[in-house]
């Protein structure tokens, strides 16, 4: 008996699995949140920040280095205010240094 393997897109796989579908929705929501607050982030920092995981009402931003993390932490109250003002239920923003997430980005 031979099996026929059909390739499927990531979206098709995500839709077929409730767990993957939920992860895909959260990843998309995280990216939308980052786009919403990007105007509040200084242009020089934007390339060092990536959308991270959403866990309940907490959201994580990934940054490339400690200097970017320090500056971003200063902006957290403004980011929270902006997100809550737009209807997002975000009670906390965590900032995590994760240089490996940025190693493949062009300079």
N, C-alpha and C. Protein backbone atom coordinates (compact mmCIF):
# COMPACT_ATOMS: atom_id res chain seq x y z
N UNK A 1 0.85 -1.18 0.00
CA UNK A 1 0.00 0.00 0.00
C UNK A 1 0.89 1.23 0.00
N UNK A 2 0.69 2.08 -0.95
CA UNK A 2 1.49 3.30 -1.01
C UNK A 2 0.67 4.49 -0.56
N UNK A 3 1.35 5.40 0.04
CA UNK A 3 0.69 6.63 0.50
C UNK A 3 0.95 7.75 -0.49
N UNK A 4 -0.03 8.55 -0.67
CA UNK A 4 0.13 9.74 -1.50
C UNK A 4 0.24 10.93 -0.56
N UNK A 5 1.36 11.61 -0.62
CA UNK A 5 1.58 12.77 0.23
C UNK A 5 1.23 14.02 -0.55
N UNK A 6 0.33 14.77 -0.02
CA UNK A 6 -0.04 16.03 -0.64
C UNK A 6 0.56 17.16 0.18
N UNK A 7 1.12 18.12 -0.50
CA UNK A 7 1.63 19.28 0.23
C UNK A 7 0.47 20.22 0.52
N UNK A 8 0.55 20.83 1.67
CA UNK A 8 -0.47 21.80 2.07
C UNK A 8 0.23 23.07 2.51
N UNK A 9 -0.47 24.16 2.37
CA UNK A 9 0.10 25.43 2.81
C UNK A 9 0.06 25.50 4.33
N UNK A 10 0.83 26.41 4.87
CA UNK A 10 0.82 26.61 6.32
C UNK A 10 -0.57 26.98 6.80
N UNK A 11 -1.26 27.83 6.05
CA UNK A 11 -2.60 28.24 6.45
C UNK A 11 -3.56 27.05 6.44
N UNK A 12 -3.46 26.16 5.45
CA UNK A 12 -4.31 24.98 5.41
C UNK A 12 -4.05 24.07 6.61
N UNK A 13 -2.77 23.89 6.95
CA UNK A 13 -2.42 23.07 8.11
C UNK A 13 -2.95 23.69 9.39
N UNK A 14 -2.81 25.01 9.50
CA UNK A 14 -3.27 25.71 10.70
C UNK A 14 -4.78 25.60 10.84
N UNK A 15 -5.49 25.70 9.74
CA UNK A 15 -6.95 25.62 9.80
C UNK A 15 -7.42 24.21 10.15
N UNK A 16 -6.62 23.20 9.81
CA UNK A 16 -7.00 21.82 10.08
C UNK A 16 -6.74 21.41 11.53
N UNK A 17 -5.94 22.17 12.23
CA UNK A 17 -5.61 21.85 13.62
C UNK A 17 -6.03 23.00 14.52
N UNK A 18 -6.89 22.77 15.49
CA UNK A 18 -7.32 23.85 16.37
C UNK A 18 -6.15 24.52 17.11
N UNK A 19 -5.17 23.75 17.52
CA UNK A 19 -4.03 24.32 18.24
C UNK A 19 -3.22 25.22 17.31
N UNK A 20 -2.92 24.73 16.12
CA UNK A 20 -2.17 25.55 15.16
C UNK A 20 -2.97 26.77 14.74
N UNK A 21 -4.28 26.62 14.59
CA UNK A 21 -5.12 27.75 14.23
C UNK A 21 -5.06 28.83 15.29
N UNK A 22 -5.11 28.43 16.55
CA UNK A 22 -5.04 29.40 17.66
C UNK A 22 -3.68 30.09 17.67
N UNK A 23 -2.60 29.34 17.47
CA UNK A 23 -1.26 29.94 17.42
C UNK A 23 -1.14 30.93 16.27
N UNK A 24 -1.69 30.57 15.13
CA UNK A 24 -1.64 31.46 13.97
C UNK A 24 -2.42 32.75 14.25
N UNK A 25 -3.58 32.63 14.90
CA UNK A 25 -4.37 33.82 15.24
C UNK A 25 -3.61 34.72 16.22
N UNK A 26 -2.97 34.11 17.22
CA UNK A 26 -2.22 34.89 18.19
C UNK A 26 -1.01 35.58 17.55
N UNK A 27 -0.34 34.88 16.66
CA UNK A 27 0.81 35.49 15.97
C UNK A 27 0.36 36.68 15.13
N UNK A 28 -0.76 36.51 14.43
CA UNK A 28 -1.27 37.61 13.62
C UNK A 28 -1.71 38.78 14.50
N UNK A 29 -2.38 38.49 15.60
CA UNK A 29 -2.81 39.53 16.53
C UNK A 29 -1.61 40.28 17.10
N UNK A 30 -0.55 39.57 17.41
CA UNK A 30 0.65 40.20 17.95
C UNK A 30 1.26 41.16 16.93
N UNK A 31 1.30 40.75 15.68
CA UNK A 31 1.82 41.62 14.61
C UNK A 31 0.95 42.86 14.43
N UNK A 32 -0.36 42.69 14.53
CA UNK A 32 -1.28 43.83 14.42
C UNK A 32 -1.03 44.81 15.55
N UNK A 33 -0.85 44.29 16.76
CA UNK A 33 -0.59 45.17 17.90
C UNK A 33 0.69 45.98 17.69
N UNK A 34 1.73 45.31 17.20
CA UNK A 34 2.98 46.03 16.97
C UNK A 34 2.79 47.14 15.94
N UNK A 35 2.05 46.86 14.87
CA UNK A 35 1.79 47.91 13.87
C UNK A 35 1.01 49.07 14.48
N UNK A 36 0.12 48.78 15.42
CA UNK A 36 -0.68 49.83 16.06
C UNK A 36 0.18 50.79 16.88
N UNK A 37 1.22 50.27 17.53
CA UNK A 37 2.04 51.12 18.40
C UNK A 37 3.32 51.60 17.74
N UNK A 38 3.61 51.14 16.54
CA UNK A 38 4.85 51.53 15.86
C UNK A 38 5.07 53.04 15.79
N UNK A 39 4.02 53.84 15.55
CA UNK A 39 4.25 55.28 15.49
C UNK A 39 4.78 55.88 16.80
N UNK A 40 4.58 55.18 17.92
CA UNK A 40 5.06 55.66 19.21
C UNK A 40 6.52 55.29 19.47
N UNK A 41 7.06 54.40 18.63
CA UNK A 41 8.42 53.92 18.81
C UNK A 41 9.35 54.73 17.91
N UNK A 42 10.45 55.24 18.45
CA UNK A 42 11.38 56.00 17.62
C UNK A 42 11.83 55.17 16.41
N UNK A 43 11.90 55.80 15.24
CA UNK A 43 12.25 55.07 14.01
C UNK A 43 13.54 54.24 14.12
N UNK A 44 14.52 54.75 14.83
CA UNK A 44 15.78 54.03 14.95
C UNK A 44 15.63 52.71 15.72
N UNK A 45 14.62 52.59 16.57
CA UNK A 45 14.40 51.36 17.35
C UNK A 45 13.51 50.35 16.64
N UNK A 46 12.75 50.77 15.67
CA UNK A 46 11.74 49.90 15.06
C UNK A 46 12.33 48.61 14.49
N UNK A 47 13.51 48.69 13.90
CA UNK A 47 14.08 47.49 13.29
C UNK A 47 14.63 46.52 14.33
N UNK A 48 14.71 46.93 15.59
CA UNK A 48 15.23 46.06 16.64
C UNK A 48 14.12 45.40 17.45
N UNK A 49 12.87 45.62 17.07
CA UNK A 49 11.73 45.12 17.83
C UNK A 49 10.90 44.18 16.97
N UNK A 50 10.47 43.07 17.57
CA UNK A 50 9.59 42.12 16.88
C UNK A 50 8.43 41.78 17.81
N UNK A 51 7.31 41.46 17.20
CA UNK A 51 6.13 41.04 17.97
C UNK A 51 6.39 39.68 18.59
N UNK A 52 6.05 39.56 19.86
CA UNK A 52 6.25 38.30 20.58
C UNK A 52 4.92 37.68 20.95
N UNK A 53 4.97 36.70 21.84
CA UNK A 53 3.75 35.96 22.19
C UNK A 53 2.75 36.78 23.00
N UNK A 54 1.50 36.40 22.85
CA UNK A 54 0.41 36.94 23.66
C UNK A 54 0.00 35.83 24.61
N UNK A 55 -0.06 36.17 25.90
CA UNK A 55 -0.50 35.20 26.91
C UNK A 55 -1.56 35.87 27.76
N UNK A 56 -2.80 35.59 27.45
CA UNK A 56 -3.92 36.24 28.16
C UNK A 56 -3.93 37.72 27.85
N UNK A 57 -3.81 38.54 28.89
CA UNK A 57 -3.79 40.00 28.69
C UNK A 57 -2.37 40.55 28.70
N UNK A 58 -1.39 39.66 28.70
CA UNK A 58 0.01 40.08 28.67
C UNK A 58 0.56 39.89 27.26
N UNK A 59 1.38 40.83 26.83
CA UNK A 59 1.97 40.77 25.49
C UNK A 59 3.47 40.94 25.63
N UNK A 60 4.22 40.25 24.82
CA UNK A 60 5.68 40.31 24.88
C UNK A 60 6.22 40.93 23.60
N UNK A 61 7.18 41.82 23.77
CA UNK A 61 7.91 42.37 22.64
C UNK A 61 9.34 41.84 22.71
N UNK A 62 9.85 41.37 21.59
CA UNK A 62 11.20 40.85 21.52
C UNK A 62 12.10 41.94 20.95
N UNK A 63 13.25 42.13 21.58
CA UNK A 63 14.18 43.17 21.13
C UNK A 63 15.55 42.55 20.90
N UNK A 64 16.34 43.21 20.07
CA UNK A 64 17.62 42.68 19.64
C UNK A 64 18.74 42.86 20.65
N UNK A 65 18.63 43.85 21.53
CA UNK A 65 19.74 44.10 22.45
C UNK A 65 19.24 44.82 23.71
N UNK A 66 20.11 44.87 24.70
CA UNK A 66 19.75 45.46 26.00
C UNK A 66 19.46 46.95 25.90
N UNK A 67 20.18 47.66 25.04
CA UNK A 67 19.94 49.10 24.91
C UNK A 67 18.54 49.37 24.37
N UNK A 68 18.13 48.60 23.37
CA UNK A 68 16.78 48.76 22.83
C UNK A 68 15.73 48.39 23.87
N UNK A 69 16.02 47.36 24.66
CA UNK A 69 15.08 46.93 25.70
C UNK A 69 14.90 48.03 26.74
N UNK A 70 16.00 48.68 27.12
CA UNK A 70 15.92 49.75 28.13
C UNK A 70 15.06 50.90 27.63
N UNK A 71 15.26 51.31 26.40
CA UNK A 71 14.47 52.41 25.84
C UNK A 71 13.01 52.00 25.69
N UNK A 72 12.78 50.77 25.22
CA UNK A 72 11.41 50.31 25.02
C UNK A 72 10.66 50.22 26.35
N UNK A 73 11.34 49.81 27.40
CA UNK A 73 10.69 49.73 28.71
C UNK A 73 10.20 51.11 29.16
N UNK A 74 10.90 52.15 28.77
CA UNK A 74 10.46 53.51 29.10
C UNK A 74 9.18 53.86 28.37
N UNK A 75 8.96 53.25 27.23
CA UNK A 75 7.78 53.54 26.40
C UNK A 75 6.57 52.68 26.75
N UNK A 76 6.74 51.66 27.58
CA UNK A 76 5.66 50.72 27.88
C UNK A 76 4.38 51.41 28.35
N UNK A 77 4.42 52.39 29.27
CA UNK A 77 3.15 53.03 29.67
C UNK A 77 2.41 53.67 28.48
N UNK A 78 3.13 54.31 27.59
CA UNK A 78 2.48 54.92 26.41
C UNK A 78 1.93 53.85 25.47
N UNK A 79 2.65 52.75 25.31
CA UNK A 79 2.18 51.67 24.44
C UNK A 79 0.93 51.03 25.02
N UNK A 80 0.92 50.79 26.33
CA UNK A 80 -0.27 50.24 26.98
C UNK A 80 -1.48 51.15 26.81
N UNK A 81 -1.25 52.43 27.02
CA UNK A 81 -2.34 53.39 26.88
C UNK A 81 -2.90 53.40 25.46
N UNK A 82 -2.01 53.37 24.49
CA UNK A 82 -2.45 53.39 23.09
C UNK A 82 -3.24 52.13 22.74
N UNK A 83 -2.75 50.98 23.17
CA UNK A 83 -3.45 49.73 22.86
C UNK A 83 -4.80 49.67 23.55
N UNK A 84 -4.85 50.02 24.82
CA UNK A 84 -6.13 49.99 25.53
C UNK A 84 -7.10 51.02 24.97
N UNK A 85 -6.59 52.14 24.51
CA UNK A 85 -7.44 53.16 23.89
C UNK A 85 -8.03 52.69 22.57
N UNK A 86 -7.39 51.70 21.94
CA UNK A 86 -7.88 51.16 20.68
C UNK A 86 -8.69 49.88 20.88
N UNK A 87 -8.98 49.56 22.14
CA UNK A 87 -9.84 48.42 22.42
C UNK A 87 -9.14 47.10 22.69
N UNK A 88 -7.83 47.10 22.75
CA UNK A 88 -7.10 45.88 23.08
C UNK A 88 -7.03 45.76 24.60
N UNK A 89 -7.30 44.58 25.11
CA UNK A 89 -7.25 44.35 26.56
C UNK A 89 -5.85 43.88 26.92
N UNK A 90 -4.93 44.82 27.09
CA UNK A 90 -3.55 44.51 27.42
C UNK A 90 -3.25 45.10 28.80
N UNK A 91 -2.93 44.23 29.74
CA UNK A 91 -2.63 44.71 31.09
C UNK A 91 -1.14 44.86 31.34
N UNK A 92 -0.33 44.16 30.54
CA UNK A 92 1.12 44.23 30.73
C UNK A 92 1.84 43.99 29.41
N UNK A 93 2.96 44.66 29.25
CA UNK A 93 3.85 44.41 28.12
C UNK A 93 5.20 44.01 28.69
N UNK A 94 5.64 42.83 28.33
CA UNK A 94 6.96 42.36 28.73
C UNK A 94 7.94 42.63 27.59
N UNK A 95 9.16 42.97 27.94
CA UNK A 95 10.20 43.23 26.95
C UNK A 95 11.29 42.19 27.17
N UNK A 96 11.59 41.43 26.13
CA UNK A 96 12.57 40.36 26.27
C UNK A 96 13.65 40.51 25.21
N UNK A 97 14.90 40.48 25.64
CA UNK A 97 16.03 40.53 24.71
C UNK A 97 16.19 39.16 24.08
N UNK A 98 16.15 39.14 22.76
CA UNK A 98 16.28 37.88 22.03
C UNK A 98 17.02 38.16 20.73
N UNK A 99 18.31 38.30 20.82
CA UNK A 99 19.14 38.67 19.68
C UNK A 99 19.02 37.70 18.52
N UNK A 100 18.83 36.41 18.80
CA UNK A 100 18.77 35.42 17.73
C UNK A 100 17.59 35.65 16.79
N UNK A 101 16.53 36.28 17.27
CA UNK A 101 15.37 36.55 16.43
C UNK A 101 15.68 37.58 15.36
N UNK A 102 16.78 38.30 15.53
CA UNK A 102 17.11 39.37 14.60
C UNK A 102 18.34 39.06 13.77
N UNK A 103 18.95 37.90 13.97
CA UNK A 103 20.20 37.59 13.27
C UNK A 103 20.01 37.41 11.78
N UNK A 104 18.78 37.07 11.34
CA UNK A 104 18.54 36.87 9.92
C UNK A 104 18.02 38.12 9.22
N UNK A 105 17.74 39.15 9.98
CA UNK A 105 17.25 40.40 9.39
C UNK A 105 18.38 41.15 8.70
N UNK A 106 18.10 41.70 7.53
CA UNK A 106 19.13 42.53 6.89
C UNK A 106 19.33 43.82 7.66
N UNK A 107 20.54 44.32 7.64
CA UNK A 107 20.85 45.55 8.37
C UNK A 107 20.33 46.76 7.67
